[in-house]
Amino acid sequence: MAALSEQAARRWVGPREWQKGQPYLRRLDDLSQRQAARGTEYRAVAQGQRRYRVSATVREGRVLDASCTCPVGSGACKHVAALLAQVAQDAAAFDAEQDLGSVLGALERPALERLVFRLLERAPELEGLVYAQAGLTSAGRLASRIEAAFADLTENLSLDDLLYLEEDASSEELDLLLDELGTLLEELDEGDEEQAAALAQGYLALLDGVQAFYERLDIDFGLDGVAQEALAGLYSLFTHAELEGDVREEALEAVRLEMTSGRVAYDEEFRGWVLVLRPDEQREVRQLLESLSRGSGPRQHAALRGLLDLRGGPRSDADEEALLRAAYSPSRLGLFLAQRGRTGEAVQTLQTVRGPLPFAELRGPFERAGALAELEQLALSRTGGGSDEARLWLHQLYLGSGRREQAHALAWQELVSSNRAEWLAALKLGSTDWPADRETLITRLRGQRGAQQRLLDLLLAEGLADQAFELVSDAGDTLAPALALQVAALPGLSDERAALLSVQVAQRLAAGRHRRAYAEAATALRPLLGRLGQRETRQLVAAAFPESSRLPALRDELRKAGLL
C-alpha cells in the first residue's frame, strides 16, 4: 500500500498549486524521513529562488500537516506540492533517519550542552523549560517571568484588540509559563514544602497579573481563562501538598478575592478544595458565599448555587425560588410560582417579562388552580414583543373551549391592526360565514392606505382572480412583476386577461435592455404556451415585441423559450 495516494496529495494543496509544483519535482534534494509521534515526517530541500526547507507529516494515507520556509508559508504551496508528489510516487526515495531520542541518547554530555546552548541562542524564551525539566524553577524566577509576560501582553494588546477577540487573550510566554507550572505540579513530591510554596507563589503571581491587567485597562474580561488555571493549581496544592504559614494565608486570601470578583467557578474542583480546608477556613468560605449570595446580579446567583452545592442534599422549593430570583429569570420564576398554585404572584412576575411568555406551559398550572381567567387577561394585556404570540394562543384557547364568538372578535381586532398572515387564517378558522367576512375584509382593505399588499395576498390566497387582476391593473408599474405573474397564473383568470398581464410584465422586464432582462421576459411569457397554445402565443409575442427583429439578444432569448 502506498504511503500516500496522488488524490490525497492533490486534495491537500489544491489543483492550482499541484500543477505549479510539478516542475519542482526535479529540484528536490536531501530527501529524508523519520518516524514522529503523529506519523511519518517527510523532509526535503526545494530549489526555487532560494533553497527552501519543506516537510509534511503523513499517517495512514492522509496528510496531517505541512510547512515550507518559502515566503508563501501556507503549508500548501508549490514546494509542498512537489514534496507530496514525490511521496505519492516513490516514498522509498526518502532516506530513513534515526529516531531523535536515539540521536540525543548517543550524545556525550559536553556535546549535548553545546547543542542546548546553541538552541537557546536561537530561542531564548525556551530557557524556562530547561529549568522546569531539571526541577530548578524558583519562586522568584517564576514571579519575575510572570510579571514580564504580563507587561509584554499589556504593551502589545489594546482594548480594541480585546473587544474583537473570540477567545481569551494570551501570549506564547504566558502559555509556556502555565505549561511549566503544570509540569512542576505533576512532578511535585508530596513532602516537598519548599517547591509547593514556590508553585503557590507562581500561581499567586498569575492571579495578581490578571487583576493588574484588568485594572490597567479598566475592564473585567479577557484573561479569565488564565485566572481559572491559576485557581485550579492552587486547589491542587491544597489537596495534594501541604501549604503552611504565610503562603497558605496568601493563597486563601487570593481565592477569596477571586470569589468576590466573580471569577470563581463553583464546580467540583472548588467543592473539593473547600472539603480539604480546615474547619475555621471552611467557615470563612461559607460565610463569604452567604454574603455574596445576598447581593445582586450574576455573582449572586453563582454564589448561591455554590453555597447550595456545598450544603448538599436535595434542594427545597425555597432554594429553587431563591436561585430563580437570583438569576433574574422572571419567565421561569413565573412558571415555577404557577406550578405551586401561587398564580397571583406568578402574574405579577410575568408582567415584567418583555418578550414572549410560555403560555402553553402556563395553562395547565393556572387551570388546576382555577385561575385560567387571570392567564387570559394577562395574554390580552401583553404589548410589544410577544403580544402577537399571546393573542394567537388566546385565540386557540377560545376555539378549543367553544368560545367561537370571542375567537372571531379577537381575530377581527388583530387582523385590522396586524400584518401577520396568521390572523387571516385565524379569522377564517373561527368564522361562521366566511364569504361574508371575506367581502367585509376586502372592502376594509380597499379603503385602507398601505394595505395593497395585504389585499393582494388575500385575493391570491382565495383565488379571486378577477378582483386580483383589477387590483394589479390599477397598481400599474408600482407592483412587483412576480406578484403580477402570480395573478396571471390563477386558474380562474380568463386566457385573455392572463395573456394581457403576462405581456405587460414581460414588456416591463425587457425594458432593461440587456440579455438577463430578455431572459426574464421570456420566462414570464413561457406559461402562455400551455394556456394559449404555441401558434397563438407566438403570434401574440411577435406583435408585442416587434423590436426583436433588430435586437439579436432579445430574439435569441425568445426563440430559446419557444416563443418565436
Protein backbone atom coordinates (compact mmCIF):
# COMPACT_ATOMS: atom_id res chain seq x y z
CA MET A 1 0.00 0.00 0.00
CA ALA A 2 1.36 3.45 -0.95
CA ALA A 3 2.25 5.84 1.87
CA LEU A 4 0.11 8.50 0.20
CA SER A 5 -2.19 8.48 -2.83
CA GLU A 6 -1.92 11.14 -5.51
CA GLN A 7 -5.58 12.01 -4.88
CA ALA A 8 -4.93 12.72 -1.18
CA ALA A 9 -1.85 14.76 -2.08
CA ARG A 10 -3.76 16.82 -4.65
CA ARG A 11 -6.58 17.39 -2.17
CA TRP A 12 -4.15 18.88 0.37
CA VAL A 13 -2.65 21.56 -1.92
CA GLY A 14 -5.46 22.06 -4.45
CA PRO A 15 -5.32 21.68 -8.25
CA ARG A 16 -3.63 25.04 -8.94
CA GLU A 17 -0.66 24.51 -6.60
CA TRP A 18 -0.40 20.85 -7.61
CA GLN A 19 0.12 21.88 -11.24
CA LYS A 20 2.63 24.58 -10.28
CA GLY A 21 4.56 22.08 -8.17
CA GLN A 22 5.22 19.52 -10.90
CA PRO A 23 8.39 21.23 -12.28
CA TYR A 24 9.83 21.32 -8.75
CA LEU A 25 9.84 17.52 -8.52
CA ARG A 26 13.20 17.56 -10.33
CA ARG A 27 14.51 20.24 -7.94
CA LEU A 28 14.06 18.31 -4.69
CA ASP A 29 17.12 17.01 -2.86
CA ASP A 30 18.16 15.96 0.66
CA LEU A 31 15.15 13.64 0.83
CA SER A 32 14.72 12.13 4.31
CA GLN A 33 12.03 10.66 6.54
CA ARG A 34 11.68 9.93 10.22
CA GLN A 35 9.04 8.47 12.48
CA ALA A 36 7.37 11.16 14.61
CA ALA A 37 4.73 10.89 17.31
CA ARG A 38 1.93 11.74 14.86
CA GLY A 39 3.13 9.76 11.83
CA THR A 40 5.94 9.76 9.25
CA GLU A 41 7.60 13.11 8.61
CA TYR A 42 8.97 13.53 5.07
CA ARG A 43 11.52 16.31 4.50
CA ALA A 44 13.36 17.76 1.54
CA VAL A 45 15.02 20.90 0.21
CA ALA A 46 13.32 22.58 -2.78
CA GLN A 47 15.38 24.75 -5.10
CA GLY A 48 13.48 27.90 -6.11
CA GLN A 49 14.76 31.46 -5.99
CA ARG A 50 16.41 30.19 -2.81
CA ARG A 51 16.69 26.81 -1.15
CA TYR A 52 13.56 26.17 0.93
CA ARG A 53 13.11 23.50 3.63
CA VAL A 54 9.89 21.56 3.06
CA SER A 55 8.25 18.98 5.32
CA ALA A 56 4.97 17.05 5.54
CA THR A 57 3.62 14.61 8.12
CA VAL A 58 1.65 11.66 6.74
CA ARG A 59 -0.26 8.96 8.59
CA GLU A 60 -2.48 6.19 7.22
CA GLY A 61 -2.58 7.74 3.76
CA ARG A 62 -3.55 11.23 4.98
CA VAL A 63 -1.57 14.46 5.15
CA LEU A 64 -1.76 15.78 8.72
CA ASP A 65 0.26 18.94 8.26
CA ALA A 66 2.94 20.50 6.07
CA SER A 67 5.25 23.50 6.08
CA CYS A 68 7.70 25.36 3.86
CA THR A 69 10.15 28.17 4.53
CA CYS A 70 9.24 29.97 1.30
CA PRO A 71 7.51 33.39 1.51
CA VAL A 72 4.08 31.83 0.88
CA GLY A 73 4.39 29.86 4.12
CA SER A 74 0.90 28.37 3.85
CA GLY A 75 1.80 24.69 4.10
CA ALA A 76 0.07 24.20 0.74
CA CYS A 77 2.48 25.90 -1.67
CA LYS A 78 4.03 24.55 -4.88
CA HIS A 79 7.09 23.28 -2.98
CA VAL A 80 4.87 21.25 -0.63
CA ALA A 81 3.01 20.00 -3.74
CA ALA A 82 6.29 18.75 -5.18
CA LEU A 83 7.21 17.01 -1.91
CA LEU A 84 3.82 15.29 -1.66
CA ALA A 85 4.02 14.24 -5.31
CA GLN A 86 7.38 12.60 -4.57
CA VAL A 87 5.93 10.80 -1.54
CA ALA A 88 2.99 9.57 -3.62
CA GLN A 89 5.24 8.39 -6.47
CA ASP A 90 8.12 6.84 -4.50
CA ALA A 91 8.20 7.15 -0.72
CA ALA A 92 11.18 4.77 -0.65
CA ALA A 93 13.34 7.50 -2.17
CA PHE A 94 13.39 9.23 1.24
CA ASP A 95 16.29 8.07 3.40
CA ALA A 96 15.25 6.95 6.88
CA GLU A 97 16.73 8.97 9.73
CA GLN A 98 17.38 7.74 13.24
CA ASP A 99 14.78 8.42 15.93
CA LEU A 100 15.51 11.75 17.63
CA GLY A 101 15.56 10.13 21.06
CA SER A 102 18.25 7.70 19.91
CA VAL A 103 20.30 10.55 18.45
CA LEU A 104 20.16 12.57 21.67
CA GLY A 105 20.89 9.49 23.74
CA ALA A 106 24.10 8.93 21.79
CA LEU A 107 25.42 12.42 22.54
CA GLU A 108 28.04 12.89 25.24
CA ARG A 109 27.25 15.46 27.94
CA PRO A 110 29.55 18.21 26.52
CA ALA A 111 28.04 17.83 23.05
CA LEU A 112 24.51 17.85 24.48
CA GLU A 113 25.29 21.01 26.49
CA ARG A 114 26.65 22.75 23.39
CA LEU A 115 23.53 21.78 21.48
CA VAL A 116 21.22 23.14 24.21
CA PHE A 117 23.14 26.44 24.40
CA ARG A 118 23.01 26.86 20.62
CA LEU A 119 19.26 26.18 20.59
CA LEU A 120 18.70 28.68 23.42
CA GLU A 121 20.64 31.32 21.48
CA ARG A 122 18.03 30.97 18.73
CA ALA A 123 15.03 30.69 21.07
CA PRO A 124 15.89 32.19 24.49
CA GLU A 125 12.23 32.01 25.56
CA LEU A 126 12.64 28.22 25.94
CA GLU A 127 15.16 28.58 28.78
CA GLY A 128 12.38 28.18 31.35
CA LEU A 129 11.64 24.70 30.01
CA VAL A 130 15.19 23.64 30.80
CA TYR A 131 14.89 24.80 34.41
CA ALA A 132 11.45 23.24 34.73
CA GLN A 133 12.71 19.91 33.40
CA ALA A 134 15.51 19.97 35.95
CA GLY A 135 13.12 20.88 38.77
CA LEU A 136 15.10 24.08 39.48
CA THR A 137 12.41 26.68 38.88
CA SER A 138 12.37 29.07 41.83
CA ALA A 139 9.52 31.24 43.10
CA GLY A 140 11.49 34.39 42.47
CA ARG A 141 12.35 33.38 38.94
CA LEU A 142 8.75 32.41 38.16
CA ALA A 143 7.36 35.61 39.62
CA SER A 144 9.72 37.79 37.61
CA ARG A 145 8.97 35.94 34.36
CA ILE A 146 5.22 36.14 35.01
CA GLU A 147 5.47 39.86 35.65
CA ALA A 148 7.43 40.32 32.42
CA ALA A 149 4.90 38.24 30.47
CA PHE A 150 2.00 40.41 31.65
CA ALA A 151 3.95 43.59 30.91
CA ASP A 152 4.60 42.35 27.38
CA LEU A 153 0.94 41.38 26.93
CA THR A 154 -0.25 44.81 28.10
CA GLU A 155 2.16 46.55 25.74
CA ASN A 156 1.11 44.55 22.69
CA LEU A 157 -2.64 44.30 23.29
CA SER A 158 -5.04 47.24 23.24
CA LEU A 159 -8.61 47.43 24.46
CA ASP A 160 -9.81 47.43 20.84
CA ASP A 161 -7.89 44.19 20.25
CA LEU A 162 -9.62 42.60 23.23
CA LEU A 163 -13.08 43.61 22.03
CA TYR A 164 -12.59 41.69 18.78
CA LEU A 165 -11.03 38.56 20.29
CA GLU A 166 -13.27 35.50 20.13
CA GLU A 167 -11.30 33.77 22.92
CA ASP A 168 -9.36 34.87 25.98
CA ALA A 169 -6.25 36.92 25.37
CA SER A 170 -2.96 35.11 25.73
CA SER A 171 0.68 35.10 24.73
CA GLU A 172 3.26 32.48 23.95
CA GLU A 173 5.14 33.30 27.14
CA LEU A 174 2.04 33.03 29.34
CA ASP A 175 1.10 29.69 27.76
CA LEU A 176 4.65 28.48 28.31
CA LEU A 177 4.56 29.51 31.97
CA LEU A 178 1.27 27.73 32.55
CA ASP A 179 2.71 24.60 30.95
CA GLU A 180 5.80 24.82 33.16
CA LEU A 181 3.72 25.22 36.31
CA GLY A 182 1.54 22.28 35.27
CA THR A 183 4.59 20.08 34.69
CA LEU A 184 6.10 21.03 38.04
CA LEU A 185 2.78 20.38 39.75
CA GLU A 186 2.56 16.89 38.26
CA GLU A 187 6.13 16.10 39.35
CA LEU A 188 5.79 17.59 42.86
CA ASP A 189 6.86 15.24 45.65
CA GLU A 190 4.30 15.03 48.45
CA GLY A 191 6.65 16.23 51.16
CA ASP A 192 8.45 18.95 49.19
CA GLU A 193 7.11 22.00 51.06
CA GLU A 194 9.65 24.36 49.50
CA GLN A 195 8.69 23.51 45.93
CA ALA A 196 4.97 23.57 46.84
CA ALA A 197 5.42 27.10 48.22
CA ALA A 198 7.30 28.12 45.05
CA LEU A 199 4.45 26.82 42.89
CA ALA A 200 1.88 28.61 45.04
CA GLN A 201 3.81 31.85 44.59
CA GLY A 202 3.79 31.29 40.83
CA TYR A 203 0.02 30.80 40.74
CA LEU A 204 -0.48 33.81 43.02
CA ALA A 205 1.67 35.90 40.66
CA LEU A 206 -0.59 34.85 37.79
CA LEU A 207 -3.71 35.97 39.69
CA ASP A 208 -2.02 39.27 40.59
CA GLY A 209 -1.06 39.74 36.94
CA VAL A 210 -4.63 39.18 35.76
CA GLN A 211 -6.00 41.66 38.29
CA ALA A 212 -3.38 44.28 37.43
CA PHE A 213 -4.09 43.79 33.72
CA TYR A 214 -7.79 44.39 34.29
CA GLU A 215 -7.19 47.45 36.45
CA ARG A 216 -4.76 48.95 33.95
CA LEU A 217 -7.26 48.66 31.07
CA ASP A 218 -10.33 49.26 33.28
CA ILE A 219 -12.04 46.05 32.14
CA ASP A 220 -13.15 42.77 33.71
CA PHE A 221 -12.72 40.28 30.87
CA GLY A 222 -10.09 38.78 28.58
CA LEU A 223 -7.91 36.73 30.94
CA ASP A 224 -10.44 34.75 32.97
CA GLY A 225 -9.05 31.53 31.49
CA VAL A 226 -5.60 32.27 32.97
CA ALA A 227 -7.23 33.02 36.35
CA GLN A 228 -9.15 29.72 36.20
CA GLU A 229 -5.96 27.75 35.56
CA ALA A 230 -4.19 29.54 38.40
CA LEU A 231 -7.07 28.76 40.76
CA ALA A 232 -7.06 25.11 39.69
CA GLY A 233 -3.35 24.99 40.51
CA LEU A 234 -3.93 26.40 44.00
CA TYR A 235 -6.78 23.95 44.63
CA SER A 236 -4.46 21.09 43.68
CA LEU A 237 -1.73 22.35 46.01
CA PHE A 238 -4.16 22.45 48.94
CA THR A 239 -5.38 18.96 48.09
CA HIS A 240 -2.13 17.15 47.27
CA ALA A 241 0.54 19.19 49.08
CA GLU A 242 0.93 20.89 52.43
CA LEU A 243 0.82 24.66 52.25
CA GLU A 244 1.62 26.31 55.58
CA GLY A 245 2.28 29.69 57.12
CA ASP A 246 2.18 32.90 55.12
CA VAL A 247 1.92 31.22 51.74
CA ARG A 248 -1.21 29.34 52.87
CA GLU A 249 -2.80 32.57 54.10
CA GLU A 250 -1.89 34.32 50.85
CA ALA A 251 -3.42 31.50 48.80
CA LEU A 252 -6.63 31.52 50.87
CA GLU A 253 -6.92 35.28 50.56
CA ALA A 254 -6.33 35.10 46.80
CA VAL A 255 -9.16 32.58 46.33
CA ARG A 256 -11.49 34.70 48.46
CA LEU A 257 -10.67 37.75 46.34
CA GLU A 258 -11.40 35.79 43.16
CA MET A 259 -14.76 34.75 44.68
CA THR A 260 -15.57 38.40 45.34
CA SER A 261 -14.58 39.35 41.77
CA GLY A 262 -16.92 36.70 40.35
CA ARG A 263 -14.18 34.78 38.53
CA VAL A 264 -14.51 31.57 40.59
CA ALA A 265 -16.44 28.71 39.01
CA TYR A 266 -18.24 26.90 41.82
CA ASP A 267 -17.60 23.50 40.34
CA GLU A 268 -16.34 20.13 41.59
CA GLU A 269 -12.77 21.40 41.87
CA PHE A 270 -13.94 24.25 44.10
CA ARG A 271 -16.04 21.91 46.27
CA GLY A 272 -13.11 19.51 46.56
CA TRP A 273 -10.90 22.40 47.68
CA VAL A 274 -13.37 23.50 50.37
CA LEU A 275 -13.59 19.96 51.75
CA VAL A 276 -9.83 19.77 52.41
CA LEU A 277 -9.75 23.10 54.22
CA ARG A 278 -9.54 23.27 57.97
CA PRO A 279 -12.86 23.82 59.81
CA ASP A 280 -12.22 27.51 60.53
CA GLU A 281 -11.20 28.09 56.90
CA GLN A 282 -14.33 26.32 55.67
CA ARG A 283 -16.47 28.56 57.86
CA GLU A 284 -14.86 31.67 56.36
CA VAL A 285 -15.51 30.45 52.81
CA ARG A 286 -19.15 29.62 53.59
CA GLN A 287 -19.67 32.99 55.28
CA LEU A 288 -18.27 34.75 52.21
CA LEU A 289 -20.57 32.73 49.95
CA GLU A 290 -23.57 33.64 52.11
CA SER A 291 -22.61 37.31 51.93
CA LEU A 292 -22.20 37.17 48.14
CA SER A 293 -25.50 35.31 47.74
CA ARG A 294 -27.31 38.26 49.32
CA GLY A 295 -26.00 40.62 46.66
CA SER A 296 -27.43 41.07 43.16
CA GLY A 297 -26.75 40.07 39.58
CA PRO A 298 -24.93 37.04 38.13
CA ARG A 299 -22.46 36.87 41.05
CA GLN A 300 -25.33 36.47 43.49
CA HIS A 301 -26.78 33.57 41.52
CA ALA A 302 -23.40 31.83 41.16
CA ALA A 303 -22.59 32.27 44.86
CA LEU A 304 -26.00 30.97 45.94
CA ARG A 305 -25.66 27.94 43.67
CA GLY A 306 -22.17 27.30 45.08
CA LEU A 307 -23.49 27.57 48.65
CA LEU A 308 -26.33 25.14 47.98
CA ASP A 309 -23.96 22.69 46.28
CA LEU A 310 -21.66 22.80 49.30
CA ARG A 311 -24.58 22.12 51.61
CA GLY A 312 -25.53 19.08 49.55
CA GLY A 313 -28.76 17.09 49.66
CA PRO A 314 -32.00 17.80 47.78
CA ARG A 315 -32.99 21.41 47.22
CA SER A 316 -36.19 22.75 48.74
CA ASP A 317 -38.76 24.88 46.92
CA ALA A 318 -37.38 27.86 48.80
CA ASP A 319 -33.89 27.07 47.43
CA GLU A 320 -35.16 26.80 43.85
CA GLU A 321 -37.15 30.01 44.15
CA ALA A 322 -34.13 31.84 45.55
CA LEU A 323 -31.99 30.60 42.64
CA LEU A 324 -34.55 31.75 40.08
CA ARG A 325 -34.82 35.15 41.70
CA ALA A 326 -31.04 35.49 41.86
CA ALA A 327 -30.73 34.54 38.19
CA TYR A 328 -33.37 37.15 37.34
CA SER A 329 -35.38 34.78 35.18
CA PRO A 330 -38.95 36.13 35.57
CA SER A 331 -40.39 33.85 32.90
CA ARG A 332 -39.10 30.69 34.60
CA LEU A 333 -39.89 32.10 38.02
CA GLY A 334 -43.48 32.83 36.96
CA LEU A 335 -43.91 29.26 35.74
CA PHE A 336 -42.39 27.96 38.99
CA LEU A 337 -44.84 30.03 41.09
CA ALA A 338 -47.82 28.99 38.95
CA GLN A 339 -46.89 25.31 39.32
CA ARG A 340 -47.11 25.79 43.07
CA GLY A 341 -50.53 27.42 42.91
CA ARG A 342 -49.26 30.94 43.55
CA THR A 343 -50.96 32.35 40.46
CA GLY A 344 -51.32 35.92 41.70
CA GLU A 345 -47.57 36.20 42.33
CA ALA A 346 -46.95 34.45 39.01
CA VAL A 347 -48.98 37.05 37.09
CA GLN A 348 -47.14 39.91 38.82
CA THR A 349 -43.81 38.33 37.90
CA LEU A 350 -44.77 37.53 34.32
CA GLN A 351 -45.94 41.10 33.71
CA THR A 352 -42.29 42.19 33.98
CA VAL A 353 -41.24 39.99 31.04
CA ARG A 354 -40.83 41.95 27.82
CA GLY A 355 -40.61 39.09 25.34
CA PRO A 356 -42.82 36.05 24.64
CA LEU A 357 -44.26 34.07 27.54
CA PRO A 358 -44.64 30.25 27.70
CA PHE A 359 -48.47 30.34 27.68
CA ALA A 360 -48.76 26.70 26.62
CA GLU A 361 -46.80 25.61 29.71
CA LEU A 362 -48.61 28.06 31.97
CA ARG A 363 -52.11 26.93 31.02
CA GLY A 364 -52.04 23.66 32.98
CA PRO A 365 -50.96 25.16 36.34
CA PHE A 366 -53.44 28.05 36.02
CA GLU A 367 -56.28 25.67 35.11
CA ARG A 368 -55.52 23.43 38.07
CA ALA A 369 -55.58 26.49 40.33
CA GLY A 370 -58.93 27.63 38.86
CA ALA A 371 -57.27 30.83 37.65
CA LEU A 372 -57.35 30.46 33.87
CA ALA A 373 -59.18 33.78 33.57
CA GLU A 374 -56.14 35.51 35.09
CA LEU A 375 -53.92 34.00 32.41
CA GLU A 376 -56.34 35.05 29.66
CA GLN A 377 -56.30 38.60 30.97
CA LEU A 378 -52.50 38.52 31.02
CA ALA A 379 -52.48 37.47 27.34
CA LEU A 380 -54.83 40.35 26.45
CA SER A 381 -52.70 42.88 28.33
CA ARG A 382 -49.46 41.99 26.57
CA THR A 383 -47.87 44.76 24.49
CA GLY A 384 -44.70 44.96 22.43
CA GLY A 385 -42.63 41.84 21.76
CA GLY A 386 -44.59 38.65 22.26
CA SER A 387 -48.04 40.27 22.11
CA ASP A 388 -48.98 38.57 18.81
CA GLU A 389 -47.95 35.17 20.17
CA ALA A 390 -50.03 35.80 23.30
CA ARG A 391 -53.16 36.70 21.29
CA LEU A 392 -52.75 33.76 18.90
CA TRP A 393 -52.52 31.42 21.89
CA LEU A 394 -55.64 33.05 23.35
CA HIS A 395 -57.47 32.61 20.03
CA GLN A 396 -56.67 28.89 20.06
CA LEU A 397 -57.85 28.70 23.67
CA TYR A 398 -61.14 30.37 22.80
CA LEU A 399 -61.74 27.98 19.89
CA GLY A 400 -60.73 24.93 21.92
CA SER A 401 -63.11 25.83 24.73
CA GLY A 402 -66.09 26.52 22.42
CA ARG A 403 -65.97 30.32 22.67
CA ARG A 404 -66.26 30.86 18.95
CA GLU A 405 -67.67 34.39 19.11
CA GLN A 406 -64.80 35.58 21.30
CA ALA A 407 -62.29 33.92 18.95
CA HIS A 408 -63.93 35.61 15.95
CA ALA A 409 -63.96 39.04 17.59
CA LEU A 410 -60.31 38.72 18.64
CA ALA A 411 -59.24 37.68 15.14
CA TRP A 412 -61.07 40.66 13.59
CA GLN A 413 -59.50 43.05 16.07
CA GLU A 414 -55.97 41.77 15.48
CA LEU A 415 -56.31 41.42 11.71
CA VAL A 416 -57.23 45.09 11.33
CA SER A 417 -54.12 46.21 13.26
CA SER A 418 -51.59 43.49 12.34
CA ASN A 419 -49.82 42.48 9.12
CA ARG A 420 -49.37 38.87 10.19
CA ALA A 421 -50.83 36.27 7.85
CA GLU A 422 -51.68 34.04 10.84
CA TRP A 423 -54.59 36.32 11.72
CA LEU A 424 -56.21 35.84 8.32
CA ALA A 425 -56.06 32.08 8.86
CA ALA A 426 -57.37 32.56 12.41
CA LEU A 427 -60.31 34.67 11.20
CA LYS A 428 -61.20 32.10 8.57
CA LEU A 429 -60.91 29.26 11.08
CA GLY A 430 -63.30 30.86 13.54
CA SER A 431 -65.76 32.32 11.04
CA THR A 432 -69.35 31.06 10.81
CA ASP A 433 -69.88 32.84 7.45
CA TRP A 434 -66.54 33.15 5.76
CA PRO A 435 -67.72 34.51 2.36
CA ALA A 436 -69.45 37.42 4.13
CA ASP A 437 -66.46 38.04 6.38
CA ARG A 438 -64.15 37.91 3.39
CA GLU A 439 -66.12 40.56 1.48
CA THR A 440 -66.16 42.78 4.54
CA LEU A 441 -62.40 42.39 4.89
CA ILE A 442 -61.80 43.13 1.20
CA THR A 443 -63.88 46.30 1.47
CA ARG A 444 -61.94 47.41 4.54
CA LEU A 445 -58.55 46.73 2.96
CA ARG A 446 -59.52 48.59 -0.24
CA GLY A 447 -60.17 51.69 1.78
CA GLN A 448 -57.10 51.36 3.97
CA ARG A 449 -53.94 53.22 2.96
CA GLY A 450 -50.86 50.99 2.55
CA ALA A 451 -52.93 47.79 2.62
CA GLN A 452 -52.49 46.97 -1.11
CA GLN A 453 -50.08 44.08 -0.47
CA ARG A 454 -52.28 42.56 2.25
CA LEU A 455 -55.31 42.79 -0.03
CA LEU A 456 -53.47 41.11 -2.91
CA ASP A 457 -52.26 38.32 -0.58
CA LEU A 458 -55.88 37.72 0.43
CA LEU A 459 -57.14 37.68 -3.15
CA LEU A 460 -54.39 35.30 -4.23
CA ALA A 461 -54.96 33.00 -1.25
CA GLU A 462 -58.68 32.89 -2.00
CA GLY A 463 -58.18 32.53 -5.76
CA LEU A 464 -60.30 35.61 -6.53
CA ALA A 465 -58.78 36.03 -9.98
CA ASP A 466 -60.82 38.89 -11.44
CA GLN A 467 -60.56 41.08 -8.34
CA ALA A 468 -56.81 40.38 -8.20
CA PHE A 469 -56.50 41.32 -11.89
CA GLU A 470 -58.28 44.63 -11.31
CA LEU A 471 -56.04 45.41 -8.34
CA VAL A 472 -52.89 44.65 -10.35
CA SER A 473 -54.13 46.66 -13.32
CA ASP A 474 -54.85 49.64 -11.10
CA ALA A 475 -51.44 49.37 -9.46
CA GLY A 476 -49.63 49.50 -12.81
CA ASP A 477 -45.85 49.64 -12.60
CA THR A 478 -45.81 50.06 -8.81
CA LEU A 479 -46.40 46.34 -8.24
CA ALA A 480 -43.57 43.81 -8.38
CA PRO A 481 -43.57 41.73 -11.59
CA ALA A 482 -43.53 38.48 -9.61
CA LEU A 483 -46.84 39.35 -7.94
CA ALA A 484 -48.45 40.23 -11.27
CA LEU A 485 -47.33 36.86 -12.65
CA GLN A 486 -48.91 35.11 -9.67
CA VAL A 487 -52.20 36.73 -10.62
CA ALA A 488 -51.72 35.75 -14.27
CA ALA A 489 -51.28 32.13 -13.20
CA LEU A 490 -54.58 31.97 -11.29
CA PRO A 491 -56.79 29.25 -12.83
CA GLY A 492 -59.92 31.41 -12.55
CA LEU A 493 -58.48 34.20 -14.70
CA SER A 494 -59.57 34.26 -18.33
CA ASP A 495 -56.99 33.43 -21.00
CA GLU A 496 -57.34 36.93 -22.44
CA ARG A 497 -56.60 38.61 -19.10
CA ALA A 498 -53.76 36.20 -18.29
CA ALA A 499 -52.15 36.94 -21.68
CA LEU A 500 -52.58 40.71 -21.26
CA LEU A 501 -50.99 40.67 -17.81
CA SER A 502 -48.12 38.39 -18.86
CA VAL A 503 -47.29 40.57 -21.87
CA GLN A 504 -47.35 43.75 -19.76
CA VAL A 505 -44.95 42.20 -17.25
CA ALA A 506 -42.65 40.89 -20.00
CA GLN A 507 -42.51 44.32 -21.67
CA ARG A 508 -41.61 45.93 -18.33
CA LEU A 509 -38.82 43.42 -17.85
CA ALA A 510 -37.47 43.67 -21.39
CA ALA A 511 -37.19 47.43 -21.00
CA GLY A 512 -33.96 46.72 -19.10
CA ARG A 513 -32.28 46.25 -22.49
CA HIS A 514 -29.79 43.53 -21.56
CA ARG A 515 -29.70 39.78 -22.03
CA ARG A 516 -30.72 38.88 -18.47
CA ALA A 517 -33.74 41.18 -18.75
CA TYR A 518 -34.71 39.50 -22.03
CA ALA A 519 -34.35 36.06 -20.42
CA GLU A 520 -36.65 37.13 -17.56
CA ALA A 521 -39.19 38.46 -20.06
CA ALA A 522 -39.14 35.13 -21.92
CA THR A 523 -39.65 33.27 -18.63
CA ALA A 524 -42.69 35.43 -17.85
CA LEU A 525 -44.23 34.58 -21.23
CA ARG A 526 -43.49 30.86 -21.34
CA PRO A 527 -46.60 29.73 -19.32
CA LEU A 528 -48.77 31.10 -22.14
CA LEU A 529 -47.64 28.22 -24.36
CA GLY A 530 -49.58 25.81 -22.19
CA ARG A 531 -52.52 28.16 -21.82
CA LEU A 532 -52.96 29.51 -25.37
CA GLY A 533 -51.08 27.01 -27.46
CA GLN A 534 -47.91 27.51 -29.50
CA ARG A 535 -49.38 29.20 -32.55
CA GLU A 536 -51.45 31.82 -30.74
CA THR A 537 -48.65 32.52 -28.23
CA ARG A 538 -46.08 33.09 -30.98
CA GLN A 539 -48.42 35.47 -32.80
CA LEU A 540 -49.03 37.37 -29.56
CA VAL A 541 -45.29 37.61 -28.76
CA ALA A 542 -44.40 38.73 -32.29
CA ALA A 543 -46.97 41.52 -32.05
CA ALA A 544 -45.87 42.53 -28.55
CA PHE A 545 -42.15 42.59 -29.39
CA PRO A 546 -41.70 43.92 -32.96
CA GLU A 547 -38.28 45.22 -31.91
CA SER A 548 -37.00 41.62 -31.65
CA SER A 549 -36.11 41.78 -35.36
CA ARG A 550 -33.41 44.36 -34.63
CA LEU A 551 -32.38 43.13 -31.14
CA PRO A 552 -30.48 39.84 -31.58
CA ALA A 553 -30.22 39.12 -27.86
CA LEU A 554 -33.99 39.55 -27.34
CA ARG A 555 -34.75 37.45 -30.42
CA ASP A 556 -32.37 34.75 -29.19
CA GLU A 557 -33.95 34.51 -25.71
CA LEU A 558 -37.50 34.41 -27.12
CA ARG A 559 -36.52 31.66 -29.57
CA LYS A 560 -34.82 29.62 -26.86
CA ALA A 561 -38.09 29.74 -24.91
CA GLY A 562 -40.04 28.56 -27.96
CA LEU A 563 -41.86 31.89 -28.26
CA LEU A 564 -40.76 32.83 -31.79
